[in-house]
N, C-alpha and C. Protein backbone atom coordinates (compact mmCIF):
# COMPACT_ATOMS: atom_id res chain seq x y z
N MET A 1 42.92 -34.49 -4.18
CA MET A 1 41.73 -34.14 -3.41
C MET A 1 40.66 -35.33 -3.52
N GLN A 2 40.21 -35.72 -2.30
CA GLN A 2 39.21 -36.77 -2.23
C GLN A 2 37.83 -36.20 -2.31
N ILE A 3 36.99 -36.73 -3.21
CA ILE A 3 35.55 -36.31 -3.25
C ILE A 3 34.97 -36.85 -1.94
N GLY A 4 34.04 -36.10 -1.37
CA GLY A 4 33.50 -36.57 -0.13
C GLY A 4 34.14 -36.01 1.15
N GLU A 5 35.35 -35.52 0.99
CA GLU A 5 36.14 -35.09 2.07
C GLU A 5 36.47 -33.53 1.96
N SER A 6 35.87 -32.91 1.03
CA SER A 6 36.12 -31.50 0.79
C SER A 6 34.75 -30.78 0.57
N SER A 7 34.71 -29.49 0.72
CA SER A 7 33.53 -28.69 0.58
C SER A 7 33.26 -28.64 -0.92
N ILE A 8 32.07 -28.28 -1.28
CA ILE A 8 31.68 -28.10 -2.63
C ILE A 8 32.54 -27.07 -3.31
N ASP A 9 32.75 -25.92 -2.64
CA ASP A 9 33.52 -24.88 -3.19
C ASP A 9 34.98 -25.35 -3.46
N SER A 10 35.62 -26.04 -2.45
CA SER A 10 36.95 -26.58 -2.58
C SER A 10 37.14 -27.55 -3.81
N PHE A 11 36.16 -28.44 -3.95
CA PHE A 11 36.12 -29.34 -5.07
C PHE A 11 36.02 -28.59 -6.40
N LEU A 12 35.16 -27.65 -6.43
CA LEU A 12 34.98 -26.86 -7.71
C LEU A 12 36.17 -26.14 -8.09
N ASP A 13 36.81 -25.53 -7.10
CA ASP A 13 38.10 -24.82 -7.29
C ASP A 13 39.13 -25.80 -7.83
N ALA A 14 39.24 -26.98 -7.21
CA ALA A 14 40.25 -28.00 -7.68
C ALA A 14 39.95 -28.45 -9.03
N LEU A 15 38.64 -28.64 -9.31
CA LEU A 15 38.22 -29.12 -10.64
C LEU A 15 38.51 -28.01 -11.75
N ALA A 16 38.48 -26.87 -11.45
CA ALA A 16 38.77 -25.72 -12.41
C ALA A 16 40.17 -25.40 -12.54
N SER A 17 41.11 -26.01 -11.76
CA SER A 17 42.52 -25.72 -11.80
C SER A 17 43.16 -26.54 -12.92
N LYS A 18 44.45 -26.12 -13.15
CA LYS A 18 45.22 -26.75 -14.23
C LYS A 18 46.00 -27.97 -13.56
N GLU A 19 45.21 -28.86 -13.15
CA GLU A 19 45.80 -30.14 -12.55
C GLU A 19 45.00 -31.36 -13.20
N PRO A 20 45.65 -32.45 -13.34
CA PRO A 20 44.94 -33.60 -13.99
C PRO A 20 43.82 -34.14 -13.21
N THR A 21 43.87 -33.99 -11.89
CA THR A 21 42.72 -34.46 -11.04
C THR A 21 42.38 -33.55 -9.99
N PRO A 22 41.09 -33.42 -9.65
CA PRO A 22 40.04 -34.17 -10.12
C PRO A 22 39.62 -33.75 -11.58
N GLY A 23 39.05 -34.60 -12.31
CA GLY A 23 38.64 -34.24 -13.67
C GLY A 23 37.27 -34.91 -14.01
N GLY A 24 37.08 -35.24 -15.32
CA GLY A 24 35.83 -35.76 -15.73
C GLY A 24 35.38 -37.11 -15.00
N GLY A 25 36.42 -37.87 -14.65
CA GLY A 25 36.08 -39.15 -14.00
C GLY A 25 35.53 -38.98 -12.62
N ALA A 26 36.08 -38.02 -11.90
CA ALA A 26 35.56 -37.61 -10.52
C ALA A 26 34.14 -37.12 -10.68
N VAL A 27 33.93 -36.30 -11.76
CA VAL A 27 32.66 -35.71 -11.97
C VAL A 27 31.57 -36.86 -12.28
N ALA A 28 31.91 -37.85 -12.99
CA ALA A 28 31.08 -38.90 -13.28
C ALA A 28 30.67 -39.62 -12.02
N GLY A 29 31.60 -39.85 -11.20
CA GLY A 29 31.35 -40.58 -9.89
C GLY A 29 30.47 -39.72 -9.00
N LEU A 30 30.69 -38.36 -8.97
CA LEU A 30 29.91 -37.51 -8.20
C LEU A 30 28.50 -37.41 -8.74
N LEU A 31 28.33 -37.39 -10.07
CA LEU A 31 27.03 -37.41 -10.63
C LEU A 31 26.19 -38.62 -10.20
N ALA A 32 26.77 -39.76 -10.31
CA ALA A 32 26.13 -41.00 -9.86
C ALA A 32 25.76 -41.03 -8.38
N SER A 33 26.57 -40.35 -7.60
CA SER A 33 26.25 -40.21 -6.16
C SER A 33 25.06 -39.32 -5.93
N ILE A 34 25.11 -38.12 -6.64
CA ILE A 34 24.05 -37.18 -6.57
C ILE A 34 22.72 -37.76 -6.99
N ALA A 35 22.67 -38.57 -8.03
CA ALA A 35 21.48 -39.26 -8.54
C ALA A 35 20.91 -40.21 -7.44
N SER A 36 21.87 -40.87 -6.80
CA SER A 36 21.38 -41.79 -5.75
C SER A 36 20.84 -41.09 -4.57
N SER A 37 21.46 -39.96 -4.25
CA SER A 37 20.99 -39.15 -3.12
C SER A 37 19.62 -38.53 -3.35
N LEU A 38 19.45 -38.05 -4.59
CA LEU A 38 18.12 -37.41 -5.02
C LEU A 38 17.03 -38.48 -4.95
N GLY A 39 17.39 -39.71 -5.44
CA GLY A 39 16.40 -40.74 -5.41
C GLY A 39 15.92 -41.11 -3.99
N ASN A 40 16.89 -41.05 -3.08
CA ASN A 40 16.50 -41.28 -1.62
C ASN A 40 15.80 -40.12 -0.99
N MET A 41 15.95 -38.92 -1.45
CA MET A 41 15.16 -37.82 -1.02
C MET A 41 13.63 -38.06 -1.33
N VAL A 42 13.48 -38.55 -2.63
CA VAL A 42 12.12 -38.93 -3.06
C VAL A 42 11.51 -39.97 -2.12
N LEU A 43 12.37 -40.91 -1.77
CA LEU A 43 11.91 -41.95 -0.82
C LEU A 43 11.54 -41.38 0.58
N ALA A 44 12.42 -40.45 0.94
CA ALA A 44 12.20 -39.82 2.33
C ALA A 44 10.90 -39.13 2.48
N TYR A 45 10.49 -38.55 1.42
CA TYR A 45 9.24 -37.79 1.35
C TYR A 45 8.06 -38.72 1.01
N SER A 46 8.35 -39.97 0.77
CA SER A 46 7.25 -40.94 0.48
C SER A 46 6.97 -41.82 1.65
N GLU A 47 7.97 -41.91 2.57
CA GLU A 47 7.88 -42.69 3.75
C GLU A 47 6.71 -42.32 4.72
N GLY A 48 5.97 -43.26 5.12
CA GLY A 48 4.89 -42.97 6.13
C GLY A 48 3.59 -42.51 5.48
N LYS A 49 3.52 -42.33 4.24
CA LYS A 49 2.34 -41.93 3.60
C LYS A 49 1.31 -43.08 3.42
N LYS A 50 0.18 -42.89 3.98
CA LYS A 50 -0.87 -44.03 3.96
C LYS A 50 -1.14 -44.50 2.47
N SER A 51 -1.15 -43.56 1.59
CA SER A 51 -1.60 -43.83 0.27
C SER A 51 -0.45 -44.69 -0.43
N LEU A 52 0.76 -44.71 0.12
CA LEU A 52 1.82 -45.48 -0.45
C LEU A 52 2.21 -46.69 0.41
N ALA A 53 1.47 -46.95 1.45
CA ALA A 53 1.83 -47.99 2.38
C ALA A 53 2.08 -49.37 1.70
N GLU A 54 1.39 -49.68 0.74
CA GLU A 54 1.59 -50.92 -0.05
C GLU A 54 2.92 -51.10 -0.67
N HIS A 55 3.65 -50.00 -0.83
CA HIS A 55 4.88 -49.96 -1.45
C HIS A 55 6.09 -49.91 -0.49
N CYS A 56 5.85 -50.13 0.81
CA CYS A 56 6.86 -49.89 1.79
C CYS A 56 8.05 -50.82 1.64
N ASP A 57 7.78 -52.08 1.22
CA ASP A 57 8.86 -53.01 1.05
C ASP A 57 9.73 -52.64 -0.12
N VAL A 58 9.19 -52.19 -1.23
CA VAL A 58 9.91 -51.62 -2.44
C VAL A 58 10.72 -50.49 -1.96
N HIS A 59 10.14 -49.53 -1.13
CA HIS A 59 10.78 -48.37 -0.74
C HIS A 59 12.05 -48.75 0.11
N ALA A 60 11.86 -49.68 1.07
CA ALA A 60 13.01 -50.05 1.86
C ALA A 60 14.15 -50.71 1.06
N ASP A 61 13.83 -51.50 0.11
CA ASP A 61 14.79 -52.16 -0.69
C ASP A 61 15.57 -51.12 -1.58
N CYS A 62 14.75 -50.27 -2.15
CA CYS A 62 15.32 -49.19 -3.07
C CYS A 62 16.25 -48.30 -2.27
N PHE A 63 15.71 -47.84 -1.08
CA PHE A 63 16.61 -46.98 -0.20
C PHE A 63 17.93 -47.53 0.09
N SER A 64 17.92 -48.88 0.50
CA SER A 64 19.21 -49.55 0.73
C SER A 64 20.14 -49.59 -0.51
N ILE A 65 19.63 -49.85 -1.62
CA ILE A 65 20.41 -49.91 -2.89
C ILE A 65 20.99 -48.54 -3.14
N LEU A 66 20.18 -47.47 -3.09
CA LEU A 66 20.55 -46.21 -3.45
C LEU A 66 21.57 -45.59 -2.38
N GLN A 67 21.40 -45.99 -1.14
CA GLN A 67 22.27 -45.45 -0.06
C GLN A 67 23.71 -46.06 -0.32
N GLU A 68 23.79 -47.31 -0.67
CA GLU A 68 24.97 -48.02 -0.92
C GLU A 68 25.65 -47.39 -2.16
N ALA A 69 24.84 -47.06 -3.18
CA ALA A 69 25.32 -46.57 -4.49
C ALA A 69 25.95 -45.20 -4.25
N GLN A 70 25.26 -44.45 -3.24
CA GLN A 70 25.75 -43.07 -3.03
C GLN A 70 27.19 -43.07 -2.60
N SER A 71 27.52 -43.93 -1.63
CA SER A 71 28.91 -43.97 -1.15
C SER A 71 29.87 -44.74 -2.10
N GLU A 72 29.36 -45.79 -2.80
CA GLU A 72 30.24 -46.46 -3.76
C GLU A 72 30.57 -45.56 -4.92
N ALA A 73 29.71 -44.71 -5.39
CA ALA A 73 30.01 -43.78 -6.48
C ALA A 73 31.14 -42.84 -6.10
N ILE A 74 31.13 -42.41 -4.86
CA ILE A 74 32.18 -41.48 -4.41
C ILE A 74 33.52 -42.23 -4.41
N ARG A 75 33.49 -43.47 -3.90
CA ARG A 75 34.73 -44.29 -3.89
C ARG A 75 35.23 -44.45 -5.25
N LEU A 76 34.35 -44.76 -6.23
CA LEU A 76 34.82 -44.92 -7.64
C LEU A 76 35.28 -43.64 -8.30
N GLY A 77 34.65 -42.52 -7.95
CA GLY A 77 35.16 -41.25 -8.42
C GLY A 77 36.61 -40.93 -7.96
N ASN A 78 36.82 -41.31 -6.71
CA ASN A 78 38.21 -41.12 -6.24
C ASN A 78 39.14 -42.18 -6.88
N ALA A 79 38.66 -43.34 -7.08
CA ALA A 79 39.51 -44.35 -7.73
C ALA A 79 39.86 -44.05 -9.17
N ASP A 80 38.94 -43.43 -9.82
CA ASP A 80 39.19 -42.85 -11.17
C ASP A 80 40.25 -41.82 -11.24
N ALA A 81 40.21 -40.90 -10.23
CA ALA A 81 41.25 -39.90 -10.10
C ALA A 81 42.59 -40.58 -9.84
N GLN A 82 42.67 -41.50 -9.05
CA GLN A 82 43.91 -42.25 -8.78
C GLN A 82 44.50 -42.95 -9.98
N ALA A 83 43.56 -43.61 -10.73
CA ALA A 83 43.99 -44.31 -11.94
C ALA A 83 44.49 -43.27 -12.92
N TYR A 84 43.82 -42.25 -13.02
CA TYR A 84 44.31 -41.21 -14.06
C TYR A 84 45.63 -40.52 -13.66
N GLU A 85 45.90 -40.40 -12.42
CA GLU A 85 47.22 -39.91 -11.96
C GLU A 85 48.35 -40.82 -12.44
N LYS A 86 48.06 -42.11 -12.45
CA LYS A 86 49.11 -42.99 -12.95
C LYS A 86 49.29 -42.78 -14.49
N VAL A 87 48.18 -42.70 -15.17
CA VAL A 87 48.30 -42.33 -16.56
C VAL A 87 49.11 -41.07 -16.82
N SER A 88 48.78 -40.10 -16.04
CA SER A 88 49.45 -38.76 -16.21
C SER A 88 50.95 -38.84 -15.92
N GLU A 89 51.32 -39.61 -14.96
CA GLU A 89 52.75 -39.82 -14.57
C GLU A 89 53.43 -40.55 -15.80
N LEU A 90 52.74 -41.52 -16.37
CA LEU A 90 53.28 -42.29 -17.44
C LEU A 90 53.61 -41.40 -18.65
N TRP A 91 52.63 -40.48 -18.92
CA TRP A 91 52.78 -39.57 -20.07
C TRP A 91 53.96 -38.65 -20.00
N LYS A 92 54.42 -38.42 -18.74
CA LYS A 92 55.51 -37.46 -18.53
C LYS A 92 56.92 -38.14 -18.87
N LEU A 93 56.90 -39.45 -18.87
CA LEU A 93 58.17 -40.11 -19.22
C LEU A 93 58.50 -40.01 -20.70
N PRO A 94 59.83 -40.13 -21.07
CA PRO A 94 60.27 -40.13 -22.38
C PRO A 94 59.60 -41.30 -23.18
N LYS A 95 59.27 -41.11 -24.44
CA LYS A 95 58.62 -42.17 -25.20
C LYS A 95 59.43 -43.50 -25.27
N ASP A 96 60.73 -43.37 -25.12
CA ASP A 96 61.58 -44.58 -25.21
C ASP A 96 61.89 -45.16 -23.78
N ASN A 97 61.24 -44.67 -22.74
CA ASN A 97 61.46 -45.15 -21.43
C ASN A 97 60.87 -46.50 -21.28
N ALA A 98 61.71 -47.50 -20.68
CA ALA A 98 61.19 -48.87 -20.61
C ALA A 98 59.95 -49.05 -19.78
N THR A 99 59.87 -48.28 -18.59
CA THR A 99 58.73 -48.30 -17.75
C THR A 99 57.40 -47.96 -18.57
N ARG A 100 57.60 -46.81 -19.24
CA ARG A 100 56.48 -46.31 -20.03
C ARG A 100 55.96 -47.34 -21.08
N ILE A 101 56.91 -47.87 -21.78
CA ILE A 101 56.61 -48.88 -22.82
C ILE A 101 55.99 -50.13 -22.26
N GLU A 102 56.53 -50.68 -21.19
CA GLU A 102 56.02 -51.92 -20.60
C GLU A 102 54.72 -51.70 -19.91
N SER A 103 54.45 -50.53 -19.34
CA SER A 103 53.27 -50.39 -18.53
C SER A 103 52.08 -49.71 -19.30
N TRP A 104 52.44 -49.31 -20.44
CA TRP A 104 51.43 -48.43 -21.25
C TRP A 104 50.07 -49.06 -21.34
N ASP A 105 49.86 -50.29 -21.85
CA ASP A 105 48.60 -50.85 -22.02
C ASP A 105 47.91 -51.08 -20.65
N ALA A 106 48.71 -51.73 -19.71
CA ALA A 106 48.14 -52.03 -18.40
C ALA A 106 47.55 -50.80 -17.73
N VAL A 107 48.33 -49.70 -17.66
CA VAL A 107 47.92 -48.49 -16.96
C VAL A 107 46.67 -47.88 -17.58
N HIS A 108 46.61 -47.90 -18.94
CA HIS A 108 45.37 -47.39 -19.63
C HIS A 108 44.20 -48.23 -19.51
N LEU A 109 44.47 -49.52 -19.48
CA LEU A 109 43.28 -50.50 -19.26
C LEU A 109 42.75 -50.35 -17.91
N ASP A 110 43.60 -50.19 -16.88
CA ASP A 110 43.17 -49.97 -15.54
C ASP A 110 42.31 -48.67 -15.41
N ALA A 111 42.79 -47.58 -16.12
CA ALA A 111 42.11 -46.37 -16.09
C ALA A 111 40.76 -46.42 -16.82
N ALA A 112 40.61 -47.41 -17.75
CA ALA A 112 39.34 -47.51 -18.44
C ALA A 112 38.38 -48.41 -17.61
N ARG A 113 38.88 -49.27 -16.82
CA ARG A 113 38.03 -50.18 -16.05
C ARG A 113 37.21 -49.43 -15.01
N VAL A 114 37.84 -48.42 -14.36
CA VAL A 114 37.09 -47.74 -13.38
C VAL A 114 35.84 -47.05 -13.81
N PRO A 115 35.86 -46.27 -14.99
CA PRO A 115 34.64 -45.69 -15.36
C PRO A 115 33.63 -46.74 -15.88
N ILE A 116 34.01 -47.83 -16.23
CA ILE A 116 33.03 -48.90 -16.56
C ILE A 116 32.30 -49.33 -15.37
N GLU A 117 33.01 -49.33 -14.20
CA GLU A 117 32.30 -49.63 -12.94
C GLU A 117 31.32 -48.52 -12.51
N ILE A 118 31.70 -47.30 -12.90
CA ILE A 118 30.82 -46.17 -12.70
C ILE A 118 29.58 -46.34 -13.52
N MET A 119 29.72 -46.73 -14.79
CA MET A 119 28.60 -47.01 -15.65
C MET A 119 27.76 -48.14 -15.13
N LYS A 120 28.30 -49.20 -14.67
CA LYS A 120 27.55 -50.33 -14.04
C LYS A 120 26.64 -49.82 -12.86
N LEU A 121 27.35 -48.96 -12.05
CA LEU A 121 26.57 -48.46 -10.90
C LEU A 121 25.46 -47.60 -11.31
N SER A 122 25.75 -46.75 -12.30
CA SER A 122 24.71 -45.84 -12.74
C SER A 122 23.47 -46.64 -13.38
N GLU A 123 23.81 -47.75 -14.06
CA GLU A 123 22.77 -48.54 -14.63
C GLU A 123 21.88 -49.13 -13.40
N ASN A 124 22.57 -49.56 -12.39
CA ASN A 124 21.86 -50.07 -11.18
C ASN A 124 20.95 -48.98 -10.59
N VAL A 125 21.46 -47.79 -10.52
CA VAL A 125 20.74 -46.65 -10.00
C VAL A 125 19.46 -46.47 -10.78
N LEU A 126 19.65 -46.47 -12.17
CA LEU A 126 18.54 -46.25 -13.04
C LEU A 126 17.55 -47.43 -12.92
N GLN A 127 17.95 -48.66 -12.79
CA GLN A 127 17.05 -49.75 -12.59
C GLN A 127 16.27 -49.60 -11.30
N THR A 128 16.87 -49.11 -10.30
CA THR A 128 16.21 -48.88 -9.10
C THR A 128 15.17 -47.77 -9.12
N LEU A 129 15.51 -46.61 -9.79
CA LEU A 129 14.62 -45.53 -9.95
C LEU A 129 13.40 -45.97 -10.83
N ARG A 130 13.70 -46.81 -11.76
CA ARG A 130 12.59 -47.29 -12.56
C ARG A 130 11.47 -48.02 -11.73
N ARG A 131 12.01 -48.71 -10.73
CA ARG A 131 11.08 -49.45 -9.85
C ARG A 131 10.16 -48.52 -9.14
N LEU A 132 10.56 -47.32 -8.92
CA LEU A 132 9.87 -46.36 -8.04
C LEU A 132 8.72 -45.53 -8.76
N ARG A 133 8.65 -45.76 -10.08
CA ARG A 133 7.61 -45.04 -10.83
C ARG A 133 6.27 -45.36 -10.32
N GLY A 134 5.50 -44.30 -9.98
CA GLY A 134 4.16 -44.50 -9.46
C GLY A 134 4.00 -45.11 -8.15
N LYS A 135 5.11 -45.09 -7.34
CA LYS A 135 5.16 -45.62 -6.07
C LYS A 135 5.71 -44.65 -4.97
N THR A 136 5.88 -43.40 -5.39
CA THR A 136 6.42 -42.46 -4.53
C THR A 136 5.56 -41.16 -4.56
N ASN A 137 5.88 -40.22 -3.71
CA ASN A 137 5.12 -39.07 -3.60
C ASN A 137 5.05 -38.29 -5.00
N ALA A 138 3.86 -38.02 -5.42
CA ALA A 138 3.70 -37.51 -6.80
C ALA A 138 4.23 -36.05 -6.90
N MET A 139 4.35 -35.44 -5.76
CA MET A 139 4.82 -34.04 -5.72
C MET A 139 6.33 -33.97 -6.00
N LEU A 140 6.97 -35.17 -5.93
CA LEU A 140 8.46 -35.25 -6.21
C LEU A 140 8.68 -35.95 -7.48
N ARG A 141 7.72 -36.00 -8.37
CA ARG A 141 7.92 -36.68 -9.67
C ARG A 141 9.16 -36.00 -10.34
N SER A 142 9.22 -34.74 -10.35
CA SER A 142 10.32 -33.99 -11.12
C SER A 142 11.67 -34.43 -10.52
N ASP A 143 11.67 -34.62 -9.19
CA ASP A 143 13.00 -35.02 -8.57
C ASP A 143 13.46 -36.43 -9.00
N LEU A 144 12.38 -37.30 -9.11
CA LEU A 144 12.75 -38.67 -9.57
C LEU A 144 13.21 -38.60 -11.01
N LEU A 145 12.59 -37.78 -11.86
CA LEU A 145 13.06 -37.63 -13.24
C LEU A 145 14.36 -37.07 -13.26
N ILE A 146 14.71 -36.10 -12.47
CA ILE A 146 16.04 -35.50 -12.49
C ILE A 146 17.10 -36.47 -12.06
N ALA A 147 16.78 -37.22 -10.98
CA ALA A 147 17.66 -38.26 -10.56
C ALA A 147 18.05 -39.25 -11.75
N ALA A 148 17.05 -39.61 -12.51
CA ALA A 148 17.27 -40.50 -13.57
C ALA A 148 18.13 -39.85 -14.69
N LEU A 149 17.89 -38.63 -14.93
CA LEU A 149 18.71 -37.93 -16.03
C LEU A 149 20.12 -37.66 -15.57
N VAL A 150 20.34 -37.35 -14.24
CA VAL A 150 21.67 -37.26 -13.70
C VAL A 150 22.34 -38.57 -13.77
N ALA A 151 21.71 -39.73 -13.43
CA ALA A 151 22.34 -40.96 -13.47
C ALA A 151 22.71 -41.31 -14.94
N GLU A 152 21.88 -40.95 -15.88
CA GLU A 152 22.22 -41.27 -17.30
C GLU A 152 23.45 -40.40 -17.67
N THR A 153 23.45 -39.15 -17.20
CA THR A 153 24.59 -38.33 -17.56
C THR A 153 25.88 -38.85 -16.89
N ALA A 154 25.80 -39.43 -15.67
CA ALA A 154 26.89 -40.08 -15.09
C ALA A 154 27.48 -41.19 -15.95
N ALA A 155 26.59 -42.01 -16.52
CA ALA A 155 26.94 -43.11 -17.37
C ALA A 155 27.60 -42.62 -18.71
N ARG A 156 27.03 -41.62 -19.20
CA ARG A 156 27.53 -41.03 -20.49
C ARG A 156 28.92 -40.44 -20.21
N SER A 157 29.08 -39.75 -19.15
CA SER A 157 30.35 -39.08 -18.86
C SER A 157 31.45 -40.23 -18.71
N ALA A 158 31.07 -41.25 -18.03
CA ALA A 158 32.01 -42.32 -17.71
C ALA A 158 32.34 -43.05 -19.05
N PHE A 159 31.38 -43.12 -19.93
CA PHE A 159 31.59 -43.84 -21.27
C PHE A 159 32.74 -43.11 -21.98
N TYR A 160 32.64 -41.83 -22.02
CA TYR A 160 33.71 -41.00 -22.63
C TYR A 160 35.14 -41.22 -22.09
N ASN A 161 35.11 -41.36 -20.74
CA ASN A 161 36.36 -41.63 -20.01
C ASN A 161 36.91 -43.04 -20.34
N VAL A 162 36.02 -43.97 -20.60
CA VAL A 162 36.56 -45.29 -21.06
C VAL A 162 37.21 -45.14 -22.41
N GLY A 163 36.53 -44.42 -23.31
CA GLY A 163 37.08 -44.32 -24.65
C GLY A 163 38.33 -43.63 -24.76
N VAL A 164 38.56 -42.55 -23.96
CA VAL A 164 39.81 -41.83 -23.96
C VAL A 164 40.99 -42.65 -23.62
N ASN A 165 40.75 -43.66 -22.66
CA ASN A 165 41.78 -44.52 -22.26
C ASN A 165 42.02 -45.82 -23.18
N THR A 166 40.94 -46.33 -23.63
CA THR A 166 41.07 -47.50 -24.47
C THR A 166 41.67 -47.04 -25.86
N GLY A 167 41.47 -45.76 -26.22
CA GLY A 167 42.04 -45.24 -27.46
C GLY A 167 43.59 -45.26 -27.44
N GLN A 168 44.15 -45.41 -26.28
CA GLN A 168 45.66 -45.54 -26.17
C GLN A 168 46.11 -46.89 -26.11
N VAL A 169 45.20 -47.91 -26.14
CA VAL A 169 45.58 -49.30 -25.90
C VAL A 169 46.01 -49.96 -27.15
N ALA A 170 47.14 -50.61 -27.27
CA ALA A 170 47.58 -51.27 -28.44
C ALA A 170 46.88 -52.56 -28.61
N ASP A 171 46.58 -53.23 -27.52
CA ASP A 171 45.98 -54.61 -27.59
C ASP A 171 44.52 -54.51 -28.11
N ALA A 172 44.34 -54.79 -29.33
CA ALA A 172 43.02 -54.59 -30.02
C ALA A 172 41.98 -55.40 -29.32
N ALA A 173 42.22 -56.70 -28.96
CA ALA A 173 41.20 -57.49 -28.30
C ALA A 173 40.71 -56.93 -27.01
N GLN A 174 41.63 -56.45 -26.18
CA GLN A 174 41.29 -55.87 -24.88
C GLN A 174 40.49 -54.55 -25.07
N LYS A 175 41.00 -53.79 -26.02
CA LYS A 175 40.26 -52.51 -26.35
C LYS A 175 38.85 -52.70 -26.78
N GLU A 176 38.73 -53.63 -27.75
CA GLU A 176 37.33 -53.91 -28.24
C GLU A 176 36.44 -54.48 -27.27
N LYS A 177 37.02 -55.33 -26.28
CA LYS A 177 36.13 -55.89 -25.27
C LYS A 177 35.61 -54.82 -24.32
N LEU A 178 36.50 -53.95 -23.88
CA LEU A 178 36.02 -52.80 -23.03
C LEU A 178 35.07 -51.84 -23.72
N ASP A 179 35.44 -51.52 -24.90
CA ASP A 179 34.60 -50.59 -25.64
C ASP A 179 33.23 -51.13 -25.90
N ALA A 180 33.11 -52.40 -26.21
CA ALA A 180 31.86 -53.13 -26.43
C ALA A 180 31.01 -53.17 -25.16
N GLN A 181 31.69 -53.45 -24.07
CA GLN A 181 31.05 -53.50 -22.75
C GLN A 181 30.46 -52.13 -22.39
N ALA A 182 31.30 -51.03 -22.62
CA ALA A 182 30.82 -49.76 -22.27
C ALA A 182 29.63 -49.29 -23.15
N SER A 183 29.71 -49.66 -24.42
CA SER A 183 28.59 -49.31 -25.36
C SER A 183 27.37 -49.99 -25.04
N LYS A 184 27.39 -51.22 -24.56
CA LYS A 184 26.24 -52.00 -24.17
C LYS A 184 25.55 -51.36 -22.93
N ILE A 185 26.39 -51.09 -21.91
CA ILE A 185 25.88 -50.40 -20.69
C ILE A 185 25.19 -49.07 -20.91
N LEU A 186 25.87 -48.34 -21.80
CA LEU A 186 25.37 -46.98 -22.15
C LEU A 186 24.03 -47.05 -22.86
N ALA A 187 23.85 -48.00 -23.81
CA ALA A 187 22.66 -48.13 -24.46
C ALA A 187 21.50 -48.55 -23.46
N THR A 188 21.80 -49.37 -22.52
CA THR A 188 20.81 -49.84 -21.53
C THR A 188 20.51 -48.55 -20.69
N CYS A 189 21.42 -47.72 -20.28
CA CYS A 189 21.16 -46.59 -19.41
C CYS A 189 20.28 -45.61 -20.18
N ARG A 190 20.51 -45.43 -21.36
CA ARG A 190 19.70 -44.55 -22.21
C ARG A 190 18.31 -44.89 -22.24
N VAL A 191 18.07 -46.23 -22.49
CA VAL A 191 16.72 -46.72 -22.57
C VAL A 191 16.02 -46.60 -21.20
N LEU A 192 16.73 -46.89 -20.10
CA LEU A 192 16.10 -46.83 -18.81
C LEU A 192 15.78 -45.39 -18.55
N ALA A 193 16.59 -44.37 -18.79
CA ALA A 193 16.43 -42.98 -18.52
C ALA A 193 15.21 -42.49 -19.38
N LEU A 194 15.09 -42.84 -20.63
CA LEU A 194 13.95 -42.55 -21.38
C LEU A 194 12.71 -43.13 -20.95
N THR A 195 12.76 -44.38 -20.55
CA THR A 195 11.48 -45.07 -20.00
C THR A 195 11.05 -44.34 -18.79
N ILE A 196 11.91 -43.98 -17.87
CA ILE A 196 11.51 -43.22 -16.70
C ILE A 196 10.90 -41.89 -17.04
N GLU A 197 11.63 -41.18 -18.03
CA GLU A 197 11.14 -39.89 -18.36
C GLU A 197 9.83 -39.84 -19.03
N THR A 198 9.55 -40.85 -19.78
CA THR A 198 8.22 -40.92 -20.54
C THR A 198 7.10 -41.55 -19.82
N THR A 199 7.36 -42.27 -18.75
CA THR A 199 6.35 -43.05 -18.12
C THR A 199 6.21 -42.74 -16.60
N CYS A 200 6.99 -41.79 -16.12
CA CYS A 200 6.91 -41.45 -14.66
C CYS A 200 5.73 -40.65 -14.31
């Protein structure tokens, strides 16, 4: 099932089913998309207000970034599901199967790289939301905060998806590289979300 091509009810039913996808990776992508959408709702209610006219250039730039992030997050959520399907198929093979042995690290590394991209996108969304502090409709302050918290949750969710895949990788150097990258992005996302929450 492709995120973005199904109703909410259909997606939730598929998510609740005993199938490998959609799963946590798709949820992480969807959360990042929701955060982007909510950020743009805040901008929509800020557009045209005389009191915010001086921020119109920032609004336009942030709207463009969030709009692109909204669709890219859905693409990544679907890509995560596709990557995990390959992992799932590999696990079904006998442990002594040549394809399983030869492909093991590569398939799990690919499955780890997609959630890292979701984390990067979530960081970009948070950076964008931080720029909007004090520059949007004050009545939608809570929506801006919620967008930031959802984006952070997307990053945290993706972080655990990275770890569950790198945990299967035998190549220590590759594993450590991806784990370190994910940890660094997550730390940044947490700081950004806290900054927005405490200063918005």
